């Protein structure tokens, strides 16, 4: 099963949802603003990226700017804890299953999810 992390009024989240539905791909949607992520979920997402936090964190996000913080100056545990309090710093949408992670909406890259076996991720 694919997990789709979204926020309300996110145009690209809507496109990703539509892509999954049009291709008959099973998914669970998690709105990261109404259902807070866990420390374990954020750590897992970061571990699955190819380029670490650069792939998943909006470095110039409003919360980081307002708090005058730099991702480069934070330990990973601090960044995860900060993300728990400010989930809007995550790029969206995020799609993940046991084999693939895709951040952002790109129909070509989302095609990696077009396969029969989608194991269920549990957090």
C-alpha atoms as a PDB file:
ATOM      1  CA  UNK A   1       0.000   0.000   0.000  1.00  0.00           C
ATOM      2  CA  UNK A   2       1.212   3.482  -0.838  1.00  0.00           C
ATOM      3  CA  UNK A   3       1.148   6.168   1.834  1.00  0.00           C
ATOM      4  CA  UNK A   4       0.424   9.634   0.457  1.00  0.00           C
ATOM      5  CA  UNK A   5       1.396  12.505   2.759  1.00  0.00           C
ATOM      6  CA  UNK A   6      -0.511  15.700   1.935  1.00  0.00           C
ATOM      7  CA  UNK A   7      -1.713  19.043   3.206  1.00  0.00           C
ATOM      8  CA  UNK A   8      -5.018  20.774   2.486  1.00  0.00           C
ATOM      9  CA  UNK A   9      -5.199  22.999  -0.590  1.00  0.00           C
ATOM     10  CA  UNK A  10      -1.990  21.515  -2.031  1.00  0.00           C
ATOM     11  CA  UNK A  11      -2.339  21.503  -5.802  1.00  0.00           C
ATOM     12  CA  UNK A  12       0.375  18.894  -6.337  1.00  0.00           C
ATOM     13  CA  UNK A  13      -1.069  16.702  -3.582  1.00  0.00           C
ATOM     14  CA  UNK A  14      -4.370  16.734  -5.466  1.00  0.00           C
ATOM     15  CA  UNK A  15      -2.584  15.784  -8.692  1.00  0.00           C
ATOM     16  CA  UNK A  16      -0.764  12.918  -6.954  1.00  0.00           C
ATOM     17  CA  UNK A  17      -4.044  11.672  -5.453  1.00  0.00           C
ATOM     18  CA  UNK A  18      -5.689  11.817  -8.882  1.00  0.00           C
ATOM     19  CA  UNK A  19      -2.738   9.935 -10.424  1.00  0.00           C
ATOM     20  CA  UNK A  20      -3.067   7.138  -7.872  1.00  0.00           C
ATOM     21  CA  UNK A  21      -6.828   6.908  -8.345  1.00  0.00           C
ATOM     22  CA  UNK A  22      -6.677   6.978 -12.149  1.00  0.00           C
ATOM     23  CA  UNK A  23      -4.116   4.179 -12.109  1.00  0.00           C
ATOM     24  CA  UNK A  24      -6.023   2.073  -9.583  1.00  0.00           C
ATOM     25  CA  UNK A  25      -3.188   2.210  -7.081  1.00  0.00           C
ATOM     26  CA  UNK A  26      -4.215   1.563  -3.474  1.00  0.00           C
ATOM     27  CA  UNK A  27      -3.157   4.233  -1.036  1.00  0.00           C
ATOM     28  CA  UNK A  28      -3.729   5.711   2.381  1.00  0.00           C
ATOM     29  CA  UNK A  29      -3.712   9.475   2.644  1.00  0.00           C
ATOM     30  CA  UNK A  30      -2.259  11.191   5.688  1.00  0.00           C
ATOM     31  CA  UNK A  31      -2.829  14.899   6.075  1.00  0.00           C
ATOM     32  CA  UNK A  32       0.300  15.995   7.937  1.00  0.00           C
ATOM     33  CA  UNK A  33      -1.418  19.036   9.448  1.00  0.00           C
ATOM     34  CA  UNK A  34      -4.473  17.314  10.886  1.00  0.00           C
ATOM     35  CA  UNK A  35      -2.793  14.038  11.843  1.00  0.00           C
ATOM     36  CA  UNK A  36       0.640  14.751  13.224  1.00  0.00           C
ATOM     37  CA  UNK A  37       3.498  12.563  12.098  1.00  0.00           C
ATOM     38  CA  UNK A  38       5.444  10.581  14.634  1.00  0.00           C
ATOM     39  CA  UNK A  39       9.157  10.879  15.287  1.00  0.00           C
ATOM     40  CA  UNK A  40       9.530   7.391  13.855  1.00  0.00           C
ATOM     41  CA  UNK A  41       7.701   8.329  10.632  1.00  0.00           C
ATOM     42  CA  UNK A  42       9.834  11.405   9.995  1.00  0.00           C
ATOM     43  CA  UNK A  43      13.051   9.529  10.710  1.00  0.00           C
ATOM     44  CA  UNK A  44      11.951   6.745   8.368  1.00  0.00           C
ATOM     45  CA  UNK A  45      11.143   9.188   5.566  1.00  0.00           C
ATOM     46  CA  UNK A  46      14.539  10.867   5.909  1.00  0.00           C
ATOM     47  CA  UNK A  47      16.341   7.513   5.935  1.00  0.00           C
ATOM     48  CA  UNK A  48      14.611   6.556   2.689  1.00  0.00           C
ATOM     49  CA  UNK A  49      15.772   9.659   0.792  1.00  0.00           C
ATOM     50  CA  UNK A  50      18.780   9.598  -1.504  1.00  0.00           C
ATOM     51  CA  UNK A  51      20.122  12.994  -0.447  1.00  0.00           C
ATOM     52  CA  UNK A  52      19.011  13.151   3.168  1.00  0.00           C
ATOM     53  CA  UNK A  53      17.129  16.157   4.415  1.00  0.00           C
ATOM     54  CA  UNK A  54      17.608  18.122   1.157  1.00  0.00           C
ATOM     55  CA  UNK A  55      15.136  15.788  -0.548  1.00  0.00           C
ATOM     56  CA  UNK A  56      12.379  16.268   1.983  1.00  0.00           C
ATOM     57  CA  UNK A  57      12.792  19.580   3.873  1.00  0.00           C
ATOM     58  CA  UNK A  58      11.942  23.021   2.490  1.00  0.00           C
ATOM     59  CA  UNK A  59      15.088  24.833   3.609  1.00  0.00           C
ATOM     60  CA  UNK A  60      13.620  28.315   3.157  1.00  0.00           C
ATOM     61  CA  UNK A  61      10.284  27.530   4.782  1.00  0.00           C
ATOM     62  CA  UNK A  62       8.514  30.207   6.782  1.00  0.00           C
ATOM     63  CA  UNK A  63       8.942  28.478  10.205  1.00  0.00           C
ATOM     64  CA  UNK A  64      12.691  28.076   9.713  1.00  0.00           C
ATOM     65  CA  UNK A  65      13.035  31.695   8.550  1.00  0.00           C
ATOM     66  CA  UNK A  66      10.907  33.047  11.397  1.00  0.00           C
ATOM     67  CA  UNK A  67      12.890  31.065  13.954  1.00  0.00           C
ATOM     68  CA  UNK A  68      16.134  32.086  12.234  1.00  0.00           C
ATOM     69  CA  UNK A  69      17.223  28.452  11.972  1.00  0.00           C
ATOM     70  CA  UNK A  70      19.343  26.657   9.431  1.00  0.00           C
ATOM     71  CA  UNK A  71      18.903  22.969   8.682  1.00  0.00           C
ATOM     72  CA  UNK A  72      22.701  22.741   8.400  1.00  0.00           C
ATOM     73  CA  UNK A  73      23.119  23.854  12.008  1.00  0.00           C
ATOM     74  CA  UNK A  74      20.725  21.271  13.430  1.00  0.00           C
ATOM     75  CA  UNK A  75      21.474  17.735  14.499  1.00  0.00           C
ATOM     76  CA  UNK A  76      19.196  15.192  12.853  1.00  0.00           C
ATOM     77  CA  UNK A  77      17.331  14.568  16.107  1.00  0.00           C
ATOM     78  CA  UNK A  78      16.744  18.330  16.485  1.00  0.00           C
ATOM     79  CA  UNK A  79      15.474  18.591  12.922  1.00  0.00           C
ATOM     80  CA  UNK A  80      13.083  15.682  13.404  1.00  0.00           C
ATOM     81  CA  UNK A  81      11.768  17.213  16.637  1.00  0.00           C
ATOM     82  CA  UNK A  82      11.389  20.581  14.898  1.00  0.00           C
ATOM     83  CA  UNK A  83       9.508  18.909  12.035  1.00  0.00           C
ATOM     84  CA  UNK A  84       7.123  17.354  14.568  1.00  0.00           C
ATOM     85  CA  UNK A  85       6.225  20.870  15.712  1.00  0.00           C
ATOM     86  CA  UNK A  86       6.302  22.394  12.204  1.00  0.00           C
ATOM     87  CA  UNK A  87       5.270  19.720   9.682  1.00  0.00           C
ATOM     88  CA  UNK A  88       4.826  22.387   7.000  1.00  0.00           C
ATOM     89  CA  UNK A  89       8.602  22.350   6.457  1.00  0.00           C
ATOM     90  CA  UNK A  90       8.199  19.015   4.671  1.00  0.00           C
ATOM     91  CA  UNK A  91       7.988  19.061   0.900  1.00  0.00           C
ATOM     92  CA  UNK A  92       4.700  17.788  -0.473  1.00  0.00           C
ATOM     93  CA  UNK A  93       3.349  15.484  -1.618  1.00  0.00           C
ATOM     94  CA  UNK A  94       5.345  12.553  -0.311  1.00  0.00           C
ATOM     95  CA  UNK A  95       4.509   9.085  -1.609  1.00  0.00           C
ATOM     96  CA  UNK A  96       6.117   6.025  -0.106  1.00  0.00           C
ATOM     97  CA  UNK A  97       5.756   2.275  -0.062  1.00  0.00           C
ATOM     98  CA  UNK A  98       8.194  -0.457   0.948  1.00  0.00           C
ATOM     99  CA  UNK A  99      10.196  -0.050  -2.250  1.00  0.00           C
ATOM    100  CA  UNK A 100       9.921   3.561  -3.421  1.00  0.00           C
ATOM    101  CA  UNK A 101       9.880   7.125  -2.163  1.00  0.00           C
ATOM    102  CA  UNK A 102       8.784  10.061  -4.290  1.00  0.00           C
ATOM    103  CA  UNK A 103       8.757  13.652  -3.093  1.00  0.00           C
ATOM    104  CA  UNK A 104       6.798  16.110  -5.188  1.00  0.00           C
ATOM    105  CA  UNK A 105       4.560  15.536  -8.167  1.00  0.00           C
ATOM    106  CA  UNK A 106       6.138  14.191 -11.339  1.00  0.00           C
ATOM    107  CA  UNK A 107       3.944  11.796 -13.352  1.00  0.00           C
ATOM    108  CA  UNK A 108       6.974  10.074 -14.898  1.00  0.00           C
ATOM    109  CA  UNK A 109       8.570   9.419 -11.543  1.00  0.00           C
ATOM    110  CA  UNK A 110       5.235   8.400  -9.989  1.00  0.00           C
ATOM    111  CA  UNK A 111       5.013   5.616 -12.560  1.00  0.00           C
ATOM    112  CA  UNK A 112       7.422   3.623 -10.361  1.00  0.00           C
ATOM    113  CA  UNK A 113       4.410   2.905  -8.173  1.00  0.00           C
ATOM    114  CA  UNK A 114       2.567   1.169 -11.028  1.00  0.00           C
ATOM    115  CA  UNK A 115       3.132  -2.410  -9.977  1.00  0.00           C
ATOM    116  CA  UNK A 116       1.007  -5.107  -8.479  1.00  0.00           C
ATOM    117  CA  UNK A 117       2.573  -5.662  -5.037  1.00  0.00           C
ATOM    118  CA  UNK A 118       2.283  -2.773  -2.580  1.00  0.00           C
ATOM    119  CA  UNK A 119       3.213  -3.962   0.871  1.00  0.00           C
ATOM    120  CA  UNK A 120       1.579  -2.080   3.715  1.00  0.00           C
ATOM    121  CA  UNK A 121       3.686   0.348   5.717  1.00  0.00           C
ATOM    122  CA  UNK A 122       2.810   0.517   9.395  1.00  0.00           C
ATOM    123  CA  UNK A 123       3.804   3.321  11.774  1.00  0.00           C
END
